[in-house]
Amino acid sequence: MRIETRGKGLNDVTQKVARVVTASGVRTGLFGASAALLLGLLGWAIAGLPGFGNYPGPYGDVMNRVSVPERNANNVVTAVTLSLVLMVFPLLVAERRLAQREK
């Protein structure tokens, strides 16, 4: 069985369905419904977040006690950043050297 095509390779039924969907605003309605659902879910997720600076866990207290004296830093942000740099920088240097060695 052979399906005859016209225009962009769509058969008659598909072309008619595409015209109906486009003309009736189905796509606009689907977009509106999905956008409303997405905004509703986003609002629900944001409403469930705890207040800023209201973390009840022990991580902040432990970091304040341990990281500042260990790194001889002024504050926790500096200590964490310094730790990250000290971990990542040697890996980047090693990767560069391996890449140069392969050339």
Foldseek 3Di string as FASTA:
>chain_A
DDADADDPRDGPVVVVVVVCCVVVCVVVVVVVVVVVVVVVVVVVVVVPDDDPPPDPDCPVVVLQVPQCVVQVHDGSVVSVVVVVCVVVVVVVVVVVVVVVVVD
